[in-house]
């Protein structure tokens, strides 16, 4: 399959919105290096990381790198919201 056929095949598989999003995201610095690194992870680890990232509020995620170079991700514990006091209406 030559490049033109491959391109037309991709155009038929994805919506125009998906292709625009991919083009936009791909312009981020080091995007392709990051993707290659993610896909090089063992399936079990990649799946766990994907699960963590998709179920987490990005603002509540903390990242640290330990002395051995390991990247440690954790979530802040969400405190239950206090109920507002009840008003007694006469």
PDB file of N, CA and C in Angstrom:
ATOM      1  N   UNK A   1       0.853  -1.165   0.000  1.00  0.00           N
ATOM      2  CA  UNK A   1       0.000   0.000   0.000  1.00  0.00           C
ATOM      3  C   UNK A   1       0.907   1.239   0.000  1.00  0.00           C
ATOM      4  N   UNK A   2       0.709   2.115  -0.958  1.00  0.00           N
ATOM      5  CA  UNK A   2       1.535   3.317  -0.997  1.00  0.00           C
ATOM      6  C   UNK A   2       0.971   4.372  -0.032  1.00  0.00           C
ATOM      7  N   UNK A   3       1.689   5.477   0.129  1.00  0.00           N
ATOM      8  CA  UNK A   3       1.302   6.499   1.099  1.00  0.00           C
ATOM      9  C   UNK A   3      -0.066   7.115   0.800  1.00  0.00           C
ATOM     10  N   UNK A   4      -0.382   7.301  -0.457  1.00  0.00           N
ATOM     11  CA  UNK A   4      -1.678   7.887  -0.815  1.00  0.00           C
ATOM     12  C   UNK A   4      -2.808   6.952  -0.413  1.00  0.00           C
ATOM     13  N   UNK A   5      -2.668   5.658  -0.697  1.00  0.00           N
ATOM     14  CA  UNK A   5      -3.691   4.686  -0.315  1.00  0.00           C
ATOM     15  C   UNK A   5      -3.825   4.622   1.204  1.00  0.00           C
ATOM     16  N   UNK A   6      -2.696   4.664   1.893  1.00  0.00           N
ATOM     17  CA  UNK A   6      -2.720   4.619   3.351  1.00  0.00           C
ATOM     18  C   UNK A   6      -3.455   5.838   3.903  1.00  0.00           C
ATOM     19  N   UNK A   7      -3.185   7.013   3.342  1.00  0.00           N
ATOM     20  CA  UNK A   7      -3.833   8.240   3.800  1.00  0.00           C
ATOM     21  C   UNK A   7      -5.341   8.176   3.573  1.00  0.00           C
ATOM     22  N   UNK A   8      -5.763   7.751   2.410  1.00  0.00           N
ATOM     23  CA  UNK A   8      -7.198   7.636   2.136  1.00  0.00           C
ATOM     24  C   UNK A   8      -7.851   6.586   3.039  1.00  0.00           C
ATOM     25  N   UNK A   9      -7.131   5.525   3.358  1.00  0.00           N
ATOM     26  CA  UNK A   9      -7.645   4.518   4.275  1.00  0.00           C
ATOM     27  C   UNK A   9      -7.870   5.126   5.658  1.00  0.00           C
ATOM     28  N   UNK A  10      -6.918   5.917   6.134  1.00  0.00           N
ATOM     29  CA  UNK A  10      -7.059   6.580   7.436  1.00  0.00           C
ATOM     30  C   UNK A  10      -8.214   7.569   7.424  1.00  0.00           C
ATOM     31  N   UNK A  11      -8.370   8.285   6.337  1.00  0.00           N
ATOM     32  CA  UNK A  11      -9.469   9.250   6.238  1.00  0.00           C
ATOM     33  C   UNK A  11     -10.825   8.555   6.330  1.00  0.00           C
ATOM     34  N   UNK A  12     -10.897   7.319   5.847  1.00  0.00           N
ATOM     35  CA  UNK A  12     -12.150   6.583   5.895  1.00  0.00           C
ATOM     36  C   UNK A  12     -12.421   5.929   7.247  1.00  0.00           C
ATOM     37  N   UNK A  13     -11.390   5.765   8.065  1.00  0.00           N
ATOM     38  CA  UNK A  13     -11.547   5.074   9.342  1.00  0.00           C
ATOM     39  C   UNK A  13     -11.878   6.014  10.499  1.00  0.00           C
ATOM     40  N   UNK A  14     -11.533   7.282  10.372  1.00  0.00           N
ATOM     41  CA  UNK A  14     -11.689   8.215  11.483  1.00  0.00           C
ATOM     42  C   UNK A  14     -12.551   9.393  11.060  1.00  0.00           C
ATOM     43  N   UNK A  15     -13.222   9.991  12.045  1.00  0.00           N
ATOM     44  CA  UNK A  15     -14.020  11.174  11.748  1.00  0.00           C
ATOM     45  C   UNK A  15     -13.084  12.358  11.525  1.00  0.00           C
ATOM     46  N   UNK A  16     -13.595  13.390  10.897  1.00  0.00           N
ATOM     47  CA  UNK A  16     -12.765  14.577  10.687  1.00  0.00           C
ATOM     48  C   UNK A  16     -12.380  15.197  12.023  1.00  0.00           C
ATOM     49  N   UNK A  17     -13.260  15.116  13.031  1.00  0.00           N
ATOM     50  CA  UNK A  17     -12.934  15.652  14.358  1.00  0.00           C
ATOM     51  C   UNK A  17     -11.775  14.878  14.986  1.00  0.00           C
ATOM     52  N   UNK A  18     -11.778  13.552  14.843  1.00  0.00           N
ATOM     53  CA  UNK A  18     -10.687  12.739  15.396  1.00  0.00           C
ATOM     54  C   UNK A  18      -9.365  13.059  14.698  1.00  0.00           C
ATOM     55  N   UNK A  19      -9.403  13.215  13.393  1.00  0.00           N
ATOM     56  CA  UNK A  19      -8.173  13.530  12.653  1.00  0.00           C
ATOM     57  C   UNK A  19      -7.645  14.915  13.022  1.00  0.00           C
ATOM     58  N   UNK A  20      -8.553  15.893  13.194  1.00  0.00           N
ATOM     59  CA  UNK A  20      -8.117  17.243  13.608  1.00  0.00           C
ATOM     60  C   UNK A  20      -7.508  17.196  15.007  1.00  0.00           C
ATOM     61  N   UNK A  21      -8.121  16.428  15.906  1.00  0.00           N
ATOM     62  CA  UNK A  21      -7.590  16.315  17.264  1.00  0.00           C
ATOM     63  C   UNK A  21      -6.207  15.676  17.246  1.00  0.00           C
ATOM     64  N   UNK A  22      -6.049  14.627  16.472  1.00  0.00           N
ATOM     65  CA  UNK A  22      -4.744  13.969  16.367  1.00  0.00           C
ATOM     66  C   UNK A  22      -3.695  14.931  15.823  1.00  0.00           C
ATOM     67  N   UNK A  23      -4.040  15.673  14.795  1.00  0.00           N
ATOM     68  CA  UNK A  23      -3.105  16.639  14.225  1.00  0.00           C
ATOM     69  C   UNK A  23      -2.727  17.697  15.248  1.00  0.00           C
ATOM     70  N   UNK A  24      -3.709  18.186  15.989  1.00  0.00           N
ATOM     71  CA  UNK A  24      -3.460  19.211  17.006  1.00  0.00           C
ATOM     72  C   UNK A  24      -2.540  18.673  18.101  1.00  0.00           C
ATOM     73  N   UNK A  25      -2.870  17.495  18.641  1.00  0.00           N
ATOM     74  CA  UNK A  25      -2.097  16.914  19.733  1.00  0.00           C
ATOM     75  C   UNK A  25      -0.687  16.540  19.269  1.00  0.00           C
ATOM     76  N   UNK A  26      -0.569  16.065  18.049  1.00  0.00           N
ATOM     77  CA  UNK A  26       0.729  15.641  17.530  1.00  0.00           C
ATOM     78  C   UNK A  26       1.715  16.797  17.413  1.00  0.00           C
ATOM     79  N   UNK A  27       1.235  18.016  17.470  1.00  0.00           N
ATOM     80  CA  UNK A  27       2.126  19.176  17.388  1.00  0.00           C
ATOM     81  C   UNK A  27       2.769  19.510  18.729  1.00  0.00           C
ATOM     82  N   UNK A  28       2.336  18.835  19.807  1.00  0.00           N
ATOM     83  CA  UNK A  28       2.944  19.061  21.113  1.00  0.00           C
ATOM     84  C   UNK A  28       4.386  18.569  21.089  1.00  0.00           C
ATOM     85  N   UNK A  29       5.296  19.300  21.732  1.00  0.00           N
ATOM     86  CA  UNK A  29       6.700  18.861  21.756  1.00  0.00           C
ATOM     87  C   UNK A  29       6.835  17.468  22.368  1.00  0.00           C
ATOM     88  N   UNK A  30       7.611  16.638  21.746  1.00  0.00           N
ATOM     89  CA  UNK A  30       7.943  15.280  22.195  1.00  0.00           C
ATOM     90  C   UNK A  30       6.739  14.339  22.270  1.00  0.00           C
ATOM     91  N   UNK A  31       5.663  14.660  21.560  1.00  0.00           N
ATOM     92  CA  UNK A  31       4.466  13.811  21.554  1.00  0.00           C
ATOM     93  C   UNK A  31       4.792  12.403  21.067  1.00  0.00           C
ATOM     94  N   UNK A  32       5.494  12.299  19.955  1.00  0.00           N
ATOM     95  CA  UNK A  32       5.755  10.978  19.388  1.00  0.00           C
ATOM     96  C   UNK A  32       6.704  10.169  20.272  1.00  0.00           C
ATOM     97  N   UNK A  33       7.669  10.829  20.915  1.00  0.00           N
ATOM     98  CA  UNK A  33       8.555  10.129  21.836  1.00  0.00           C
ATOM     99  C   UNK A  33       7.761   9.574  23.018  1.00  0.00           C
ATOM    100  N   UNK A  34       6.817  10.370  23.531  1.00  0.00           N
ATOM    101  CA  UNK A  34       5.971   9.922  24.633  1.00  0.00           C
ATOM    102  C   UNK A  34       5.130   8.720  24.212  1.00  0.00           C
ATOM    103  N   UNK A  35       4.515   8.799  23.040  1.00  0.00           N
ATOM    104  CA  UNK A  35       3.681   7.692  22.562  1.00  0.00           C
ATOM    105  C   UNK A  35       4.503   6.423  22.374  1.00  0.00           C
ATOM    106  N   UNK A  36       5.698   6.561  21.810  1.00  0.00           N
ATOM    107  CA  UNK A  36       6.549   5.375  21.633  1.00  0.00           C
ATOM    108  C   UNK A  36       6.897   4.762  22.984  1.00  0.00           C
ATOM    109  N   UNK A  37       7.175   5.609  23.972  1.00  0.00           N
ATOM    110  CA  UNK A  37       7.481   5.120  25.318  1.00  0.00           C
ATOM    111  C   UNK A  37       6.299   4.407  25.949  1.00  0.00           C
ATOM    112  N   UNK A  38       5.109   4.970  25.786  1.00  0.00           N
ATOM    113  CA  UNK A  38       3.914   4.327  26.345  1.00  0.00           C
ATOM    114  C   UNK A  38       3.652   2.972  25.707  1.00  0.00           C
ATOM    115  N   UNK A  39       3.778   2.903  24.395  1.00  0.00           N
ATOM    116  CA  UNK A  39       3.505   1.647  23.712  1.00  0.00           C
ATOM    117  C   UNK A  39       4.613   0.615  23.922  1.00  0.00           C
ATOM    118  N   UNK A  40       5.766   1.053  24.419  1.00  0.00           N
ATOM    119  CA  UNK A  40       6.844   0.112  24.721  1.00  0.00           C
ATOM    120  C   UNK A  40       6.659  -0.532  26.099  1.00  0.00           C
ATOM    121  N   UNK A  41       5.754   0.028  26.915  1.00  0.00           N
ATOM    122  CA  UNK A  41       5.495  -0.553  28.235  1.00  0.00           C
ATOM    123  C   UNK A  41       4.828  -1.919  28.085  1.00  0.00           C
ATOM    124  N   UNK A  42       5.066  -2.804  29.054  1.00  0.00           N
ATOM    125  CA  UNK A  42       4.333  -4.081  29.033  1.00  0.00           C
ATOM    126  C   UNK A  42       2.825  -3.801  29.107  1.00  0.00           C
ATOM    127  N   UNK A  43       2.032  -4.667  28.491  1.00  0.00           N
ATOM    128  CA  UNK A  43       0.585  -4.468  28.424  1.00  0.00           C
ATOM    129  C   UNK A  43      -0.047  -4.220  29.785  1.00  0.00           C
ATOM    130  N   UNK A  44       0.350  -4.987  30.787  1.00  0.00           N
ATOM    131  CA  UNK A  44      -0.249  -4.860  32.122  1.00  0.00           C
ATOM    132  C   UNK A  44       0.027  -3.481  32.727  1.00  0.00           C
ATOM    133  N   UNK A  45       1.236  -2.992  32.585  1.00  0.00           N
ATOM    134  CA  UNK A  45       1.593  -1.689  33.142  1.00  0.00           C
ATOM    135  C   UNK A  45       0.905  -0.579  32.362  1.00  0.00           C
ATOM    136  N   UNK A  46       0.893  -0.684  31.048  1.00  0.00           N
ATOM    137  CA  UNK A  46       0.228   0.336  30.229  1.00  0.00           C
ATOM    138  C   UNK A  46      -1.252   0.398  30.556  1.00  0.00           C
ATOM    139  N   UNK A  47      -1.874  -0.758  30.752  1.00  0.00           N
ATOM    140  CA  UNK A  47      -3.289  -0.806  31.088  1.00  0.00           C
ATOM    141  C   UNK A  47      -3.550  -0.163  32.451  1.00  0.00           C
ATOM    142  N   UNK A  48      -2.708  -0.459  33.434  1.00  0.00           N
ATOM    143  CA  UNK A  48      -2.866   0.135  34.767  1.00  0.00           C
ATOM    144  C   UNK A  48      -2.689   1.645  34.712  1.00  0.00           C
ATOM    145  N   UNK A  49      -1.712   2.115  33.952  1.00  0.00           N
ATOM    146  CA  UNK A  49      -1.482   3.552  33.812  1.00  0.00           C
ATOM    147  C   UNK A  49      -2.664   4.215  33.116  1.00  0.00           C
ATOM    148  N   UNK A  50      -3.158   3.606  32.066  1.00  0.00           N
ATOM    149  CA  UNK A  50      -4.312   4.152  31.350  1.00  0.00           C
ATOM    150  C   UNK A  50      -5.524   4.216  32.268  1.00  0.00           C
ATOM    151  N   UNK A  51      -5.742   3.164  33.049  1.00  0.00           N
ATOM    152  CA  UNK A  51      -6.860   3.138  33.984  1.00  0.00           C
ATOM    153  C   UNK A  51      -6.724   4.261  35.008  1.00  0.00           C
ATOM    154  N   UNK A  52      -5.533   4.435  35.557  1.00  0.00           N
ATOM    155  CA  UNK A  52      -5.284   5.491  36.539  1.00  0.00           C
ATOM    156  C   UNK A  52      -5.554   6.868  35.938  1.00  0.00           C
ATOM    157  N   UNK A  53      -5.044   7.107  34.753  1.00  0.00           N
ATOM    158  CA  UNK A  53      -5.167   8.435  34.147  1.00  0.00           C
ATOM    159  C   UNK A  53      -6.591   8.753  33.708  1.00  0.00           C
ATOM    160  N   UNK A  54      -7.332   7.758  33.254  1.00  0.00           N
ATOM    161  CA  UNK A  54      -8.688   8.036  32.787  1.00  0.00           C
ATOM    162  C   UNK A  54      -9.689   8.159  33.921  1.00  0.00           C
ATOM    163  N   UNK A  55      -9.348   7.671  35.094  1.00  0.00           N
ATOM    164  CA  UNK A  55     -10.279   7.731  36.228  1.00  0.00           C
ATOM    165  C   UNK A  55      -9.865   8.764  37.266  1.00  0.00           C
ATOM    166  N   UNK A  56      -8.980   9.650  36.923  1.00  0.00           N
ATOM    167  CA  UNK A  56      -8.443  10.597  37.881  1.00  0.00           C
ATOM    168  C   UNK A  56      -8.680  12.018  37.420  1.00  0.00           C
ATOM    169  N   UNK A  57      -9.031  12.860  38.353  1.00  0.00           N
ATOM    170  CA  UNK A  57      -9.075  14.289  38.090  1.00  0.00           C
ATOM    171  C   UNK A  57      -7.622  14.745  37.961  1.00  0.00           C
ATOM    172  N   UNK A  58      -7.213  15.254  36.790  1.00  0.00           N
ATOM    173  CA  UNK A  58      -5.807  15.626  36.601  1.00  0.00           C
ATOM    174  C   UNK A  58      -5.298  16.601  37.656  1.00  0.00           C
ATOM    175  N   UNK A  59      -6.159  17.437  38.185  1.00  0.00           N
ATOM    176  CA  UNK A  59      -5.727  18.400  39.201  1.00  0.00           C
ATOM    177  C   UNK A  59      -5.410  17.722  40.525  1.00  0.00           C
ATOM    178  N   UNK A  60      -5.949  16.519  40.765  1.00  0.00           N
ATOM    179  CA  UNK A  60      -5.729  15.821  42.024  1.00  0.00           C
ATOM    180  C   UNK A  60      -4.575  14.830  41.946  1.00  0.00           C
ATOM    181  N   UNK A  61      -3.902  14.732  40.816  1.00  0.00           N
ATOM    182  CA  UNK A  61      -2.805  13.786  40.638  1.00  0.00           C
ATOM    183  C   UNK A  61      -1.477  14.433  41.011  1.00  0.00           C
ATOM    184  N   UNK A  62      -0.731  13.740  41.837  1.00  0.00           N
ATOM    185  CA  UNK A  62       0.596  14.205  42.239  1.00  0.00           C
ATOM    186  C   UNK A  62       1.636  13.256  41.647  1.00  0.00           C
ATOM    187  N   UNK A  63       2.743  13.809  41.211  1.00  0.00           N
ATOM    188  CA  UNK A  63       3.807  13.014  40.602  1.00  0.00           C
ATOM    189  C   UNK A  63       5.111  13.312  41.323  1.00  0.00           C
ATOM    190  N   UNK A  64       5.852  12.259  41.631  1.00  0.00           N
ATOM    191  CA  UNK A  64       7.165  12.417  42.251  1.00  0.00           C
ATOM    192  C   UNK A  64       8.119  11.432  41.589  1.00  0.00           C
ATOM    193  N   UNK A  65       9.382  11.793  41.539  1.00  0.00           N
ATOM    194  CA  UNK A  65      10.415  10.895  41.039  1.00  0.00           C
ATOM    195  C   UNK A  65      11.328  10.590  42.223  1.00  0.00           C
ATOM    196  N   UNK A  66      11.459   9.303  42.559  1.00  0.00           N
ATOM    197  CA  UNK A  66      12.276   8.943  43.715  1.00  0.00           C
ATOM    198  C   UNK A  66      13.755   8.880  43.353  1.00  0.00           C
ATOM    199  N   UNK A  67      14.586   8.581  44.329  1.00  0.00           N
ATOM    200  CA  UNK A  67      16.046   8.574  44.141  1.00  0.00           C
ATOM    201  C   UNK A  67      16.494   7.544  43.113  1.00  0.00           C
ATOM    202  N   UNK A  68      15.692   6.498  42.897  1.00  0.00           N
ATOM    203  CA  UNK A  68      16.031   5.465  41.908  1.00  0.00           C
ATOM    204  C   UNK A  68      15.509   5.795  40.515  1.00  0.00           C
ATOM    205  N   UNK A  69      14.886   6.973  40.361  1.00  0.00           N
ATOM    206  CA  UNK A  69      14.375   7.386  39.061  1.00  0.00           C
ATOM    207  C   UNK A  69      12.989   6.870  38.736  1.00  0.00           C
ATOM    208  N   UNK A  70      12.325   6.264  39.727  1.00  0.00           N
ATOM    209  CA  UNK A  70      10.968   5.767  39.497  1.00  0.00           C
ATOM    210  C   UNK A  70       9.975   6.923  39.580  1.00  0.00           C
ATOM    211  N   UNK A  71       9.042   6.926  38.660  1.00  0.00           N
ATOM    212  CA  UNK A  71       7.980   7.928  38.646  1.00  0.00           C
ATOM    213  C   UNK A  71       6.824   7.374  39.469  1.00  0.00           C
ATOM    214  N   UNK A  72       6.418   8.124  40.483  1.00  0.00           N
ATOM    215  CA  UNK A  72       5.357   7.673  41.378  1.00  0.00           C
ATOM    216  C   UNK A  72       4.170   8.607  41.230  1.00  0.00           C
ATOM    217  N   UNK A  73       3.034   8.031  40.862  1.00  0.00           N
ATOM    218  CA  UNK A  73       1.796   8.785  40.703  1.00  0.00           C
ATOM    219  C   UNK A  73       0.877   8.436  41.863  1.00  0.00           C
ATOM    220  N   UNK A  74       0.223   9.441  42.402  1.00  0.00           N
ATOM    221  CA  UNK A  74      -0.787   9.158  43.417  1.00  0.00           C
ATOM    222  C   UNK A  74      -1.854  10.236  43.380  1.00  0.00           C
ATOM    223  N   UNK A  75      -3.002   9.877  43.927  1.00  0.00           N
ATOM    224  CA  UNK A  75      -4.133  10.788  43.966  1.00  0.00           C
ATOM    225  C   UNK A  75      -4.245  11.382  45.356  1.00  0.00           C
ATOM    226  N   UNK A  76      -4.669  12.632  45.405  1.00  0.00           N
ATOM    227  CA  UNK A  76      -5.019  13.208  46.689  1.00  0.00           C
ATOM    228  C   UNK A  76      -6.329  12.575  47.122  1.00  0.00           C
ATOM    229  N   UNK A  77      -6.433  12.281  48.397  1.00  0.00           N
ATOM    230  CA  UNK A  77      -7.698  11.749  48.901  1.00  0.00           C
ATOM    231  C   UNK A  77      -8.736  12.855  48.819  1.00  0.00           C
ATOM    232  N   UNK A  78      -9.854  12.517  48.240  1.00  0.00           N
ATOM    233  CA  UNK A  78     -10.924  13.492  48.135  1.00  0.00           C
ATOM    234  C   UNK A  78     -11.706  13.516  49.436  1.00  0.00           C
ATOM    235  N   UNK A  79     -11.787  14.688  50.017  1.00  0.00           N
ATOM    236  CA  UNK A  79     -12.547  14.827  51.250  1.00  0.00           C
ATOM    237  C   UNK A  79     -14.013  15.003  50.891  1.00  0.00           C
ATOM    238  N   UNK A  80     -14.889  14.317  51.629  1.00  0.00           N
ATOM    239  CA  UNK A  80     -16.304  14.495  51.323  1.00  0.00           C
ATOM    240  C   UNK A  80     -16.715  15.940  51.585  1.00  0.00           C
ATOM    241  N   UNK A  81     -17.533  16.454  50.705  1.00  0.00           N
ATOM    242  CA  UNK A  81     -17.989  17.824  50.862  1.00  0.00           C
ATOM    243  C   UNK A  81     -18.986  17.891  52.013  1.00  0.00           C
ATOM    244  N   UNK A  82     -18.803  18.903  52.848  1.00  0.00           N
ATOM    245  CA  UNK A  82     -19.717  19.093  53.965  1.00  0.00           C
ATOM    246  C   UNK A  82     -21.047  19.586  53.439  1.00  0.00           C
ATOM    247  N   UNK A  83     -22.094  19.103  54.056  1.00  0.00           N
ATOM    248  CA  UNK A  83     -23.425  19.566  53.664  1.00  0.00           C
ATOM    249  C   UNK A  83     -23.633  20.968  54.223  1.00  0.00           C
ATOM    250  N   UNK A  84     -24.263  21.816  53.435  1.00  0.00           N
ATOM    251  CA  UNK A  84     -24.542  23.156  53.966  1.00  0.00           C
ATOM    252  C   UNK A  84     -25.544  23.043  55.115  1.00  0.00           C
ATOM    253  N   UNK A  85     -25.451  23.955  56.080  1.00  0.00           N
ATOM    254  CA  UNK A  85     -26.408  23.886  57.193  1.00  0.00           C
ATOM    255  C   UNK A  85     -27.831  24.098  56.682  1.00  0.00           C
ATOM    256  N   UNK A  86     -28.753  23.411  57.333  1.00  0.00           N
ATOM    257  CA  UNK A  86     -30.158  23.542  56.942  1.00  0.00           C
ATOM    258  C   UNK A  86     -30.723  24.859  57.479  1.00  0.00           C
ATOM    259  N   UNK A  87     -31.517  25.485  56.671  1.00  0.00           N
ATOM    260  CA  UNK A  87     -32.192  26.705  57.102  1.00  0.00           C
ATOM    261  C   UNK A  87     -33.625  26.344  57.454  1.00  0.00           C
ATOM    262  N   UNK A  88     -34.058  26.835  58.565  1.00  0.00           N
ATOM    263  CA  UNK A  88     -35.458  26.644  58.931  1.00  0.00           C
ATOM    264  C   UNK A  88     -36.218  27.863  58.474  1.00  0.00           C
ATOM    265  N   UNK A  89     -37.164  27.614  57.613  1.00  0.00           N
ATOM    266  CA  UNK A  89     -37.947  28.710  57.035  1.00  0.00           C
ATOM    267  C   UNK A  89     -39.308  28.727  57.723  1.00  0.00           C
ATOM    268  N   UNK A  90     -39.664  29.872  58.361  1.00  0.00           N
ATOM    269  CA  UNK A  90     -40.957  29.937  59.046  1.00  0.00           C
ATOM    270  C   UNK A  90     -42.119  29.928  58.076  1.00  0.00           C
TER     271      UNK A  90
END
